[in-house]
Amino acid sequence: MPEPTPRSTPPSHHTPTPDQQMSVWATCQQPAHRQRQDRYVRATRAHPAKMLPAVAAYVVRTYTRPGDLVLDPMCGSGTTLVEAVHAGRHAIGVDIEPGFTALARANLRLADEQGAPGHGQVITGNATHLTNLLPPAARGHVALVLTSPPYGHVTHGLVQTTNGHGLDKEHHRYGPAGNGNLAYVGWTRLLAGFTQIMTACHDVLRPGGIVAITVRPVRHHRDDFIDLPSQILTAATTAGLTPLDRCVALLAAVRDDHLIHRASLFALLAARRARRDGIPLSLVAHEDVLILTRPTTPPNP
């Protein structure tokens, strides 16, 4: 299983041979903030739903080779791009929020200053129109698409304790509503938009290229559980992609024979309240990683 991402130097993951590949990835041996320390600009904390750097690094090194092109059509603060260029791959990111694309560019500049051998590019735009946004030279040459869908318009974000005022949240929204951001359009339109994005990714992938999607279930209320991974898998297969694998990226540390959770304060409070009310709610300790491919031959009619 992969080693945790170092603080300031490129990850030392090796690409396993097929018989070494495991479906459970120990990608949270270090807390998320330590994975990003010295490797991402401090303002990265403003993004409400960042991918773990160790997850991105492991996917990039497992499913691509140096010099390959990696795409994230909803790149946020640029985790996929940063880990790709540190691993000697080239990367293109797209995001609809100008504030997040500015963050992604800042993180790529930092990677370049640290000697990352790959090159990254960030585009501001709506990924449902992906084929019109990407440079023509990228089409048909993308080796890996690595991305994650939004989880609704509000996330846990960052928590701050204020004397006399309890807990305050910040950086818990994706951006302003009304600009086409899929986080604000409801589940039906989100899935339709994600299917559009996956269709475009299918078209820009090279034959045999890989799509990796990190996604976890969503619980808006204690009794409102949404199996988002299965819905996202359906969207991707509808777009013409073929499933290869369904892996688990741990969001908890492995210590001997125990898992040490990394759950946020809000997740802890939600679980405690639910169990107090007789609902056996568990802390989230992993996310699914859906692995799909663009077939090398077209399907039979």
C-alpha atoms as a PDB file:
ATOM      1  CA  MET A   1       0.000   0.000   0.000  1.00  0.00           C
ATOM      2  CA  PRO A   2       1.215   3.581  -0.620  1.00  0.00           C
ATOM      3  CA  GLU A   3       3.358   5.467   1.817  1.00  0.00           C
ATOM      4  CA  PRO A   4       2.109   8.887   3.005  1.00  0.00           C
ATOM      5  CA  THR A   5       3.018  11.987   1.036  1.00  0.00           C
ATOM      6  CA  PRO A   6       6.105  13.820   2.410  1.00  0.00           C
ATOM      7  CA  ARG A   7       5.703  17.433   3.424  1.00  0.00           C
ATOM      8  CA  SER A   8       7.817  19.262   0.869  1.00  0.00           C
ATOM      9  CA  THR A   9       9.374  16.753  -1.498  1.00  0.00           C
ATOM     10  CA  PRO A  10       7.681  14.799  -4.291  1.00  0.00           C
ATOM     11  CA  PRO A  11       5.990  11.580  -3.096  1.00  0.00           C
ATOM     12  CA  SER A  12       8.089   8.453  -3.153  1.00  0.00           C
ATOM     13  CA  HIS A  13       5.307   6.063  -4.208  1.00  0.00           C
ATOM     14  CA  HIS A  14       6.458   3.398  -6.614  1.00  0.00           C
ATOM     15  CA  THR A  15       4.106   2.112  -9.267  1.00  0.00           C
ATOM     16  CA  PRO A  16       3.150  -1.427  -8.231  1.00  0.00           C
ATOM     17  CA  THR A  17       3.165  -4.320 -10.625  1.00  0.00           C
ATOM     18  CA  PRO A  18      -0.304  -5.737 -11.394  1.00  0.00           C
ATOM     19  CA  ASP A  19       0.001  -8.506  -8.816  1.00  0.00           C
ATOM     20  CA  GLN A  20       0.905  -5.934  -6.136  1.00  0.00           C
ATOM     21  CA  GLN A  21      -2.000  -3.582  -6.811  1.00  0.00           C
ATOM     22  CA  MET A  22      -4.411  -3.510  -3.870  1.00  0.00           C
ATOM     23  CA  SER A  23      -7.945  -2.190  -3.733  1.00  0.00           C
ATOM     24  CA  VAL A  24      -7.488  -0.596  -0.290  1.00  0.00           C
ATOM     25  CA  TRP A  25      -5.099   2.372  -0.228  1.00  0.00           C
ATOM     26  CA  ALA A  26      -3.529   3.674   3.008  1.00  0.00           C
ATOM     27  CA  THR A  27      -3.656   7.293   1.886  1.00  0.00           C
ATOM     28  CA  CYS A  28      -4.189   9.062   5.209  1.00  0.00           C
ATOM     29  CA  GLN A  29      -1.244   7.960   7.329  1.00  0.00           C
ATOM     30  CA  GLN A  30      -0.568  11.677   7.726  1.00  0.00           C
ATOM     31  CA  PRO A  31      -3.402  14.158   8.380  1.00  0.00           C
ATOM     32  CA  ALA A  32      -4.512  16.183   5.374  1.00  0.00           C
ATOM     33  CA  HIS A  33      -2.954  19.431   6.610  1.00  0.00           C
ATOM     34  CA  ARG A  34       0.442  17.761   6.947  1.00  0.00           C
ATOM     35  CA  GLN A  35       0.164  16.301   3.455  1.00  0.00           C
ATOM     36  CA  ARG A  36      -0.292  19.852   2.131  1.00  0.00           C
ATOM     37  CA  GLN A  37       2.241  21.553   4.400  1.00  0.00           C
ATOM     38  CA  ASP A  38       4.980  23.366   2.410  1.00  0.00           C
ATOM     39  CA  ARG A  39       3.621  21.804  -0.795  1.00  0.00           C
ATOM     40  CA  TYR A  40       0.538  24.009  -1.257  1.00  0.00           C
ATOM     41  CA  VAL A  41       0.014  27.725  -0.627  1.00  0.00           C
ATOM     42  CA  ARG A  42      -1.708  28.523   2.644  1.00  0.00           C
ATOM     43  CA  ALA A  43      -4.746  29.986   0.866  1.00  0.00           C
ATOM     44  CA  THR A  44      -5.583  26.463  -0.351  1.00  0.00           C
ATOM     45  CA  ARG A  45      -7.495  26.032   2.891  1.00  0.00           C
ATOM     46  CA  ALA A  46     -10.247  28.173   1.337  1.00  0.00           C
ATOM     47  CA  HIS A  47     -11.449  25.316  -0.863  1.00  0.00           C
ATOM     48  CA  PRO A  48     -14.251  23.414   0.936  1.00  0.00           C
ATOM     49  CA  ALA A  49     -13.668  19.910  -0.454  1.00  0.00           C
ATOM     50  CA  LYS A  50     -10.030  19.260  -1.304  1.00  0.00           C
ATOM     51  CA  MET A  51      -8.800  15.898  -2.580  1.00  0.00           C
ATOM     52  CA  LEU A  52      -6.168  14.260  -0.387  1.00  0.00           C
ATOM     53  CA  PRO A  53      -2.724  14.782  -1.984  1.00  0.00           C
ATOM     54  CA  ALA A  54      -1.745  11.178  -1.222  1.00  0.00           C
ATOM     55  CA  VAL A  55      -4.797   9.908  -3.116  1.00  0.00           C
ATOM     56  CA  ALA A  56      -3.974  12.045  -6.155  1.00  0.00           C
ATOM     57  CA  ALA A  57      -0.291  11.076  -6.036  1.00  0.00           C
ATOM     58  CA  TYR A  58      -1.095   7.380  -5.821  1.00  0.00           C
ATOM     59  CA  VAL A  59      -3.561   7.470  -8.723  1.00  0.00           C
ATOM     60  CA  VAL A  60      -1.149   9.449 -10.914  1.00  0.00           C
ATOM     61  CA  ARG A  61       1.792   7.135 -10.271  1.00  0.00           C
ATOM     62  CA  THR A  62      -0.255   3.956 -10.573  1.00  0.00           C
ATOM     63  CA  TYR A  63      -2.121   4.711 -13.795  1.00  0.00           C
ATOM     64  CA  THR A  64       0.278   6.937 -15.795  1.00  0.00           C
ATOM     65  CA  ARG A  65       3.913   7.195 -16.840  1.00  0.00           C
ATOM     66  CA  PRO A  66       6.273  10.209 -16.818  1.00  0.00           C
ATOM     67  CA  GLY A  67       5.422  12.580 -19.638  1.00  0.00           C
ATOM     68  CA  ASP A  68       1.741  11.570 -19.770  1.00  0.00           C
ATOM     69  CA  LEU A  69      -1.040  14.153 -19.760  1.00  0.00           C
ATOM     70  CA  VAL A  70      -3.411  14.289 -16.757  1.00  0.00           C
ATOM     71  CA  LEU A  71      -6.719  16.196 -16.757  1.00  0.00           C
ATOM     72  CA  ASP A  72      -8.957  17.344 -13.904  1.00  0.00           C
ATOM     73  CA  PRO A  73     -12.154  18.936 -15.295  1.00  0.00           C
ATOM     74  CA  MET A  74     -13.194  20.190 -11.826  1.00  0.00           C
ATOM     75  CA  CYS A  75      -9.754  20.919 -10.425  1.00  0.00           C
ATOM     76  CA  GLY A  76     -10.635  23.155  -7.469  1.00  0.00           C
ATOM     77  CA  SER A  77      -7.419  24.261  -5.776  1.00  0.00           C
ATOM     78  CA  GLY A  78      -5.338  22.034  -8.045  1.00  0.00           C
ATOM     79  CA  THR A  79      -4.418  18.935  -6.027  1.00  0.00           C
ATOM     80  CA  THR A  80      -4.490  16.646  -9.081  1.00  0.00           C
ATOM     81  CA  LEU A  81      -2.334  19.090 -11.043  1.00  0.00           C
ATOM     82  CA  VAL A  82       0.257  19.588  -8.317  1.00  0.00           C
ATOM     83  CA  GLU A  83       0.757  15.882  -7.703  1.00  0.00           C
ATOM     84  CA  ALA A  84       0.910  15.212 -11.445  1.00  0.00           C
ATOM     85  CA  VAL A  85       3.639  17.777 -12.161  1.00  0.00           C
ATOM     86  CA  HIS A  86       5.676  16.670  -9.133  1.00  0.00           C
ATOM     87  CA  ALA A  87       5.556  13.147 -10.590  1.00  0.00           C
ATOM     88  CA  GLY A  88       6.848  14.317 -13.976  1.00  0.00           C
ATOM     89  CA  ARG A  89       3.492  14.298 -15.733  1.00  0.00           C
ATOM     90  CA  HIS A  90       1.862  17.252 -17.485  1.00  0.00           C
ATOM     91  CA  ALA A  91      -1.531  18.478 -16.314  1.00  0.00           C
ATOM     92  CA  ILE A  92      -4.519  20.567 -17.348  1.00  0.00           C
ATOM     93  CA  GLY A  93      -7.165  21.708 -14.881  1.00  0.00           C
ATOM     94  CA  VAL A  94     -10.540  23.348 -15.455  1.00  0.00           C
ATOM     95  CA  ASP A  95     -12.765  24.965 -12.853  1.00  0.00           C
ATOM     96  CA  ILE A  96     -15.782  27.242 -13.061  1.00  0.00           C
ATOM     97  CA  GLU A  97     -14.770  29.380 -10.058  1.00  0.00           C
ATOM     98  CA  PRO A  98     -12.126  32.077 -10.831  1.00  0.00           C
ATOM     99  CA  GLY A  99     -11.075  32.129  -7.176  1.00  0.00           C
ATOM    100  CA  PHE A 100     -10.231  28.430  -7.263  1.00  0.00           C
ATOM    101  CA  THR A 101      -8.417  28.577 -10.599  1.00  0.00           C
ATOM    102  CA  ALA A 102      -6.301  31.386  -9.134  1.00  0.00           C
ATOM    103  CA  LEU A 103      -5.495  29.062  -6.215  1.00  0.00           C
ATOM    104  CA  ALA A 104      -4.616  26.218  -8.584  1.00  0.00           C
ATOM    105  CA  ARG A 105      -2.260  28.499 -10.523  1.00  0.00           C
ATOM    106  CA  ALA A 106      -0.598  29.615  -7.284  1.00  0.00           C
ATOM    107  CA  ASN A 107      -0.086  25.992  -6.268  1.00  0.00           C
ATOM    108  CA  LEU A 108       1.399  25.163  -9.668  1.00  0.00           C
ATOM    109  CA  ARG A 109       3.780  28.122  -9.363  1.00  0.00           C
ATOM    110  CA  LEU A 110       4.904  26.771  -5.996  1.00  0.00           C
ATOM    111  CA  ALA A 111       5.432  23.321  -7.519  1.00  0.00           C
ATOM    112  CA  ASP A 112       7.523  24.884 -10.269  1.00  0.00           C
ATOM    113  CA  GLU A 113       9.614  26.762  -7.686  1.00  0.00           C
ATOM    114  CA  GLN A 114      10.187  23.444  -5.904  1.00  0.00           C
ATOM    115  CA  GLY A 115      11.544  21.894  -9.093  1.00  0.00           C
ATOM    116  CA  ALA A 116       8.566  19.851 -10.287  1.00  0.00           C
ATOM    117  CA  PRO A 117       9.541  18.456 -13.708  1.00  0.00           C
ATOM    118  CA  GLY A 118       6.024  18.503 -15.194  1.00  0.00           C
ATOM    119  CA  HIS A 119       4.089  21.452 -16.615  1.00  0.00           C
ATOM    120  CA  GLY A 120       0.591  22.472 -15.560  1.00  0.00           C
ATOM    121  CA  GLN A 121      -2.099  24.666 -17.090  1.00  0.00           C
ATOM    122  CA  VAL A 122      -5.338  25.973 -15.562  1.00  0.00           C
ATOM    123  CA  ILE A 123      -8.431  27.123 -17.455  1.00  0.00           C
ATOM    124  CA  THR A 124     -11.414  28.982 -16.001  1.00  0.00           C
ATOM    125  CA  GLY A 125     -14.638  27.698 -17.496  1.00  0.00           C
ATOM    126  CA  ASN A 126     -17.643  25.404 -17.245  1.00  0.00           C
ATOM    127  CA  ALA A 127     -16.502  21.783 -17.651  1.00  0.00           C
ATOM    128  CA  THR A 128     -19.822  20.794 -19.231  1.00  0.00           C
ATOM    129  CA  HIS A 129     -18.311  22.544 -22.291  1.00  0.00           C
ATOM    130  CA  LEU A 130     -14.945  20.855 -21.806  1.00  0.00           C
ATOM    131  CA  THR A 131     -14.130  20.091 -25.438  1.00  0.00           C
ATOM    132  CA  ASN A 132     -14.428  23.800 -26.300  1.00  0.00           C
ATOM    133  CA  LEU A 133     -12.112  24.773 -23.429  1.00  0.00           C
ATOM    134  CA  LEU A 134      -9.188  22.413 -23.913  1.00  0.00           C
ATOM    135  CA  PRO A 135      -6.364  23.173 -26.355  1.00  0.00           C
ATOM    136  CA  PRO A 136      -6.794  21.127 -29.556  1.00  0.00           C
ATOM    137  CA  ALA A 137      -3.461  19.381 -28.959  1.00  0.00           C
ATOM    138  CA  ALA A 138      -4.856  17.777 -25.782  1.00  0.00           C
ATOM    139  CA  ARG A 139      -7.736  15.991 -27.478  1.00  0.00           C
ATOM    140  CA  GLY A 140      -7.125  12.296 -27.801  1.00  0.00           C
ATOM    141  CA  HIS A 141      -3.905  12.517 -25.781  1.00  0.00           C
ATOM    142  CA  VAL A 142      -5.156  12.559 -22.178  1.00  0.00           C
ATOM    143  CA  ALA A 143      -3.838   9.491 -20.339  1.00  0.00           C
ATOM    144  CA  LEU A 144      -5.704  10.046 -17.061  1.00  0.00           C
ATOM    145  CA  VAL A 145      -8.722  11.990 -15.884  1.00  0.00           C
ATOM    146  CA  LEU A 146      -8.714  12.342 -12.094  1.00  0.00           C
ATOM    147  CA  THR A 147     -11.502  14.314 -10.471  1.00  0.00           C
ATOM    148  CA  SER A 148     -14.209  14.420  -7.817  1.00  0.00           C
ATOM    149  CA  PRO A 149     -17.801  15.719  -8.012  1.00  0.00           C
ATOM    150  CA  PRO A 150     -19.167  18.407  -5.688  1.00  0.00           C
ATOM    151  CA  TYR A 151     -21.150  17.258  -2.639  1.00  0.00           C
ATOM    152  CA  GLY A 152     -23.894  19.840  -2.657  1.00  0.00           C
ATOM    153  CA  HIS A 153     -23.565  23.557  -1.979  1.00  0.00           C
ATOM    154  CA  VAL A 154     -22.443  23.393   1.671  1.00  0.00           C
ATOM    155  CA  THR A 155     -19.627  21.388   3.255  1.00  0.00           C
ATOM    156  CA  HIS A 156     -18.135  21.265   6.739  1.00  0.00           C
ATOM    157  CA  GLY A 157     -15.416  23.733   5.794  1.00  0.00           C
ATOM    158  CA  LEU A 158     -13.194  25.097   8.547  1.00  0.00           C
ATOM    159  CA  VAL A 159     -14.301  25.482  12.140  1.00  0.00           C
ATOM    160  CA  GLN A 160     -13.350  28.285  14.499  1.00  0.00           C
ATOM    161  CA  THR A 161     -14.330  28.626  18.149  1.00  0.00           C
ATOM    162  CA  THR A 162     -15.374  32.131  19.172  1.00  0.00           C
ATOM    163  CA  ASN A 163     -15.723  33.110  22.818  1.00  0.00           C
ATOM    164  CA  GLY A 164     -19.374  33.539  23.645  1.00  0.00           C
ATOM    165  CA  HIS A 165     -20.523  32.617  20.130  1.00  0.00           C
ATOM    166  CA  GLY A 166     -19.888  28.879  19.904  1.00  0.00           C
ATOM    167  CA  LEU A 167     -18.589  27.451  16.634  1.00  0.00           C
ATOM    168  CA  ASP A 168     -18.229  29.457  13.428  1.00  0.00           C
ATOM    169  CA  LYS A 169     -17.759  28.016   9.937  1.00  0.00           C
ATOM    170  CA  GLU A 170     -15.704  29.478   7.127  1.00  0.00           C
ATOM    171  CA  HIS A 171     -14.732  28.325   3.639  1.00  0.00           C
ATOM    172  CA  HIS A 172     -17.684  25.937   3.561  1.00  0.00           C
ATOM    173  CA  ARG A 173     -19.200  26.943   0.205  1.00  0.00           C
ATOM    174  CA  TYR A 174     -17.956  26.286  -3.322  1.00  0.00           C
ATOM    175  CA  GLY A 175     -18.663  29.820  -4.525  1.00  0.00           C
ATOM    176  CA  PRO A 176     -21.586  32.030  -5.554  1.00  0.00           C
ATOM    177  CA  ALA A 177     -24.757  30.380  -6.818  1.00  0.00           C
ATOM    178  CA  GLY A 178     -26.119  31.081 -10.273  1.00  0.00           C
ATOM    179  CA  ASN A 179     -22.966  30.732 -12.387  1.00  0.00           C
ATOM    180  CA  GLY A 180     -23.567  27.134 -13.459  1.00  0.00           C
ATOM    181  CA  ASN A 181     -21.636  25.518 -10.597  1.00  0.00           C
ATOM    182  CA  LEU A 182     -22.991  21.969 -10.277  1.00  0.00           C
ATOM    183  CA  ALA A 183     -22.854  22.235  -6.487  1.00  0.00           C
ATOM    184  CA  TYR A 184     -25.958  24.457  -6.578  1.00  0.00           C
ATOM    185  CA  VAL A 185     -28.258  22.827  -9.116  1.00  0.00           C
ATOM    186  CA  GLY A 186     -29.678  19.853  -7.200  1.00  0.00           C
ATOM    187  CA  TRP A 187     -28.850  16.164  -7.535  1.00  0.00           C
ATOM    188  CA  THR A 188     -30.713  15.478 -10.782  1.00  0.00           C
ATOM    189  CA  ARG A 189     -29.046  18.323 -12.682  1.00  0.00           C
ATOM    190  CA  LEU A 190     -25.714  17.632 -10.985  1.00  0.00           C
ATOM    191  CA  LEU A 191     -25.740  14.057 -12.301  1.00  0.00           C
ATOM    192  CA  ALA A 192     -26.819  15.215 -15.764  1.00  0.00           C
ATOM    193  CA  GLY A 193     -23.997  17.772 -15.809  1.00  0.00           C
ATOM    194  CA  PHE A 194     -21.497  15.208 -14.574  1.00  0.00           C
ATOM    195  CA  THR A 195     -22.575  12.851 -17.366  1.00  0.00           C
ATOM    196  CA  GLN A 196     -21.866  15.657 -19.865  1.00  0.00           C
ATOM    197  CA  ILE A 197     -18.410  16.119 -18.360  1.00  0.00           C
ATOM    198  CA  MET A 198     -17.667  12.393 -18.488  1.00  0.00           C
ATOM    199  CA  THR A 199     -18.818  12.266 -22.126  1.00  0.00           C
ATOM    200  CA  ALA A 200     -16.349  15.022 -22.961  1.00  0.00           C
ATOM    201  CA  CYS A 201     -13.626  13.235 -20.983  1.00  0.00           C
ATOM    202  CA  HIS A 202     -14.306  10.083 -23.005  1.00  0.00           C
ATOM    203  CA  ASP A 203     -13.752  12.087 -26.174  1.00  0.00           C
ATOM    204  CA  VAL A 204     -10.441  13.652 -25.085  1.00  0.00           C
ATOM    205  CA  LEU A 205      -8.977  10.472 -23.567  1.00  0.00           C
ATOM    206  CA  ARG A 206      -6.603   8.409 -25.642  1.00  0.00           C
ATOM    207  CA  PRO A 207      -7.813   4.842 -26.282  1.00  0.00           C
ATOM    208  CA  GLY A 208      -7.119   2.829 -23.153  1.00  0.00           C
ATOM    209  CA  GLY A 209      -6.929   6.022 -21.074  1.00  0.00           C
ATOM    210  CA  ILE A 210      -8.116   5.932 -17.466  1.00  0.00           C
ATOM    211  CA  VAL A 211     -10.753   7.870 -15.556  1.00  0.00           C
ATOM    212  CA  ALA A 212     -10.462   7.862 -11.747  1.00  0.00           C
ATOM    213  CA  ILE A 213     -13.246   9.459  -9.712  1.00  0.00           C
ATOM    214  CA  THR A 214     -13.009   9.902  -5.951  1.00  0.00           C
ATOM    215  CA  VAL A 215     -16.452  10.033  -4.381  1.00  0.00           C
ATOM    216  CA  ARG A 216     -18.185   9.189  -1.136  1.00  0.00           C
ATOM    217  CA  PRO A 217     -21.825   8.845  -0.039  1.00  0.00           C
ATOM    218  CA  VAL A 218     -23.627  11.966   1.084  1.00  0.00           C
ATOM    219  CA  ARG A 219     -25.870  12.332   4.117  1.00  0.00           C
ATOM    220  CA  HIS A 220     -27.752  15.621   4.110  1.00  0.00           C
ATOM    221  CA  HIS A 221     -29.802  14.614   7.098  1.00  0.00           C
ATOM    222  CA  ARG A 222     -29.353  11.694   9.423  1.00  0.00           C
ATOM    223  CA  ASP A 223     -32.041   9.738   7.582  1.00  0.00           C
ATOM    224  CA  ASP A 224     -31.257  11.086   4.080  1.00  0.00           C
ATOM    225  CA  PHE A 225     -28.438   8.877   2.745  1.00  0.00           C
ATOM    226  CA  ILE A 226     -27.466   9.319  -0.925  1.00  0.00           C
ATOM    227  CA  ASP A 227     -25.420   6.573  -2.595  1.00  0.00           C
ATOM    228  CA  LEU A 228     -23.501   9.068  -4.702  1.00  0.00           C
ATOM    229  CA  PRO A 229     -20.719   6.635  -5.755  1.00  0.00           C
ATOM    230  CA  SER A 230     -23.239   4.358  -7.492  1.00  0.00           C
ATOM    231  CA  GLN A 231     -24.953   7.318  -9.136  1.00  0.00           C
ATOM    232  CA  ILE A 232     -21.633   8.722 -10.358  1.00  0.00           C
ATOM    233  CA  LEU A 233     -20.661   5.281 -11.691  1.00  0.00           C
ATOM    234  CA  THR A 234     -23.911   5.188 -13.668  1.00  0.00           C
ATOM    235  CA  ALA A 235     -23.174   8.655 -15.077  1.00  0.00           C
ATOM    236  CA  ALA A 236     -19.695   7.584 -16.182  1.00  0.00           C
ATOM    237  CA  THR A 237     -20.872   4.363 -17.847  1.00  0.00           C
ATOM    238  CA  THR A 238     -23.669   6.275 -19.578  1.00  0.00           C
ATOM    239  CA  ALA A 239     -20.901   8.443 -21.053  1.00  0.00           C
ATOM    240  CA  GLY A 240     -19.376   5.345 -22.683  1.00  0.00           C
ATOM    241  CA  LEU A 241     -16.670   4.542 -20.137  1.00  0.00           C
ATOM    242  CA  THR A 242     -16.030   0.947 -19.080  1.00  0.00           C
ATOM    243  CA  PRO A 243     -15.604   0.127 -15.361  1.00  0.00           C
ATOM    244  CA  LEU A 244     -12.327  -1.552 -14.403  1.00  0.00           C
ATOM    245  CA  ASP A 245     -12.153  -1.407 -10.616  1.00  0.00           C
ATOM    246  CA  ARG A 246     -13.675   0.058  -7.479  1.00  0.00           C
ATOM    247  CA  CYS A 247     -11.092   0.828  -4.835  1.00  0.00           C
ATOM    248  CA  VAL A 248     -11.105   2.291  -1.335  1.00  0.00           C
ATOM    249  CA  ALA A 249      -8.929   5.251  -0.352  1.00  0.00           C
ATOM    250  CA  LEU A 250      -8.673   5.399   3.413  1.00  0.00           C
ATOM    251  CA  LEU A 251      -9.447   8.676   5.165  1.00  0.00           C
ATOM    252  CA  ALA A 252      -8.136   7.169   8.384  1.00  0.00           C
ATOM    253  CA  ALA A 253      -4.660   6.130   9.496  1.00  0.00           C
ATOM    254  CA  VAL A 254      -3.655   2.485   9.924  1.00  0.00           C
ATOM    255  CA  ARG A 255      -1.952   1.797  13.256  1.00  0.00           C
ATOM    256  CA  ASP A 256      -1.222  -1.870  13.889  1.00  0.00           C
ATOM    257  CA  ASP A 257      -4.652  -3.506  13.633  1.00  0.00           C
ATOM    258  CA  HIS A 258      -6.652  -0.298  14.219  1.00  0.00           C
ATOM    259  CA  LEU A 259      -7.985   2.578  12.138  1.00  0.00           C
ATOM    260  CA  ILE A 260      -7.428   6.055  13.591  1.00  0.00           C
ATOM    261  CA  HIS A 261     -10.164   8.323  12.249  1.00  0.00           C
ATOM    262  CA  ARG A 262      -9.514  11.819  10.877  1.00  0.00           C
ATOM    263  CA  ALA A 263     -13.128  12.931  11.141  1.00  0.00           C
ATOM    264  CA  SER A 264     -13.951  16.611  11.547  1.00  0.00           C
ATOM    265  CA  LEU A 265     -15.570  18.053  14.644  1.00  0.00           C
ATOM    266  CA  PHE A 266     -18.895  18.367  12.812  1.00  0.00           C
ATOM    267  CA  ALA A 267     -18.773  14.725  11.719  1.00  0.00           C
ATOM    268  CA  LEU A 268     -18.043  13.646  15.283  1.00  0.00           C
ATOM    269  CA  LEU A 269     -20.926  15.714  16.653  1.00  0.00           C
ATOM    270  CA  ALA A 270     -23.324  14.408  13.978  1.00  0.00           C
ATOM    271  CA  ALA A 271     -22.437  10.784  14.755  1.00  0.00           C
ATOM    272  CA  ARG A 272     -22.811  11.300  18.505  1.00  0.00           C
ATOM    273  CA  ARG A 273     -26.200  12.986  18.127  1.00  0.00           C
ATOM    274  CA  ALA A 274     -27.449  10.293  15.766  1.00  0.00           C
ATOM    275  CA  ARG A 275     -26.391   7.460  18.065  1.00  0.00           C
ATOM    276  CA  ARG A 276     -27.933   9.270  21.007  1.00  0.00           C
ATOM    277  CA  ASP A 277     -31.189   9.228  19.034  1.00  0.00           C
ATOM    278  CA  GLY A 278     -30.885   5.520  18.210  1.00  0.00           C
ATOM    279  CA  ILE A 279     -29.505   5.892  14.658  1.00  0.00           C
ATOM    280  CA  PRO A 280     -26.311   3.773  14.225  1.00  0.00           C
ATOM    281  CA  LEU A 281     -24.431   6.388  12.203  1.00  0.00           C
ATOM    282  CA  SER A 282     -20.738   5.676  11.535  1.00  0.00           C
ATOM    283  CA  LEU A 283     -17.815   8.030  10.993  1.00  0.00           C
ATOM    284  CA  VAL A 284     -16.647   8.165   7.387  1.00  0.00           C
ATOM    285  CA  ALA A 285     -13.241   6.465   7.128  1.00  0.00           C
ATOM    286  CA  HIS A 286     -12.877   6.015   3.372  1.00  0.00           C
ATOM    287  CA  GLU A 287     -13.974   7.195  -0.019  1.00  0.00           C
ATOM    288  CA  ASP A 288     -14.585   5.158  -3.139  1.00  0.00           C
ATOM    289  CA  VAL A 289     -12.275   5.488  -6.129  1.00  0.00           C
ATOM    290  CA  LEU A 290     -14.025   4.452  -9.325  1.00  0.00           C
ATOM    291  CA  ILE A 291     -11.622   3.347 -12.053  1.00  0.00           C
ATOM    292  CA  LEU A 292     -12.899   3.315 -15.633  1.00  0.00           C
ATOM    293  CA  THR A 293     -11.379   3.313 -19.098  1.00  0.00           C
ATOM    294  CA  ARG A 294     -12.061   4.405 -22.635  1.00  0.00           C
ATOM    295  CA  PRO A 295     -12.146   1.111 -24.543  1.00  0.00           C
ATOM    296  CA  THR A 296      -9.474   0.626 -27.191  1.00  0.00           C
ATOM    297  CA  THR A 297     -12.107  -0.742 -29.570  1.00  0.00           C
ATOM    298  CA  PRO A 298     -15.630   0.623 -30.061  1.00  0.00           C
ATOM    299  CA  PRO A 299     -18.510  -1.415 -28.606  1.00  0.00           C
ATOM    300  CA  ASN A 300     -20.447  -3.766 -30.848  1.00  0.00           C
ATOM    301  CA  PRO A 301     -23.529  -2.145 -32.396  1.00  0.00           C
END
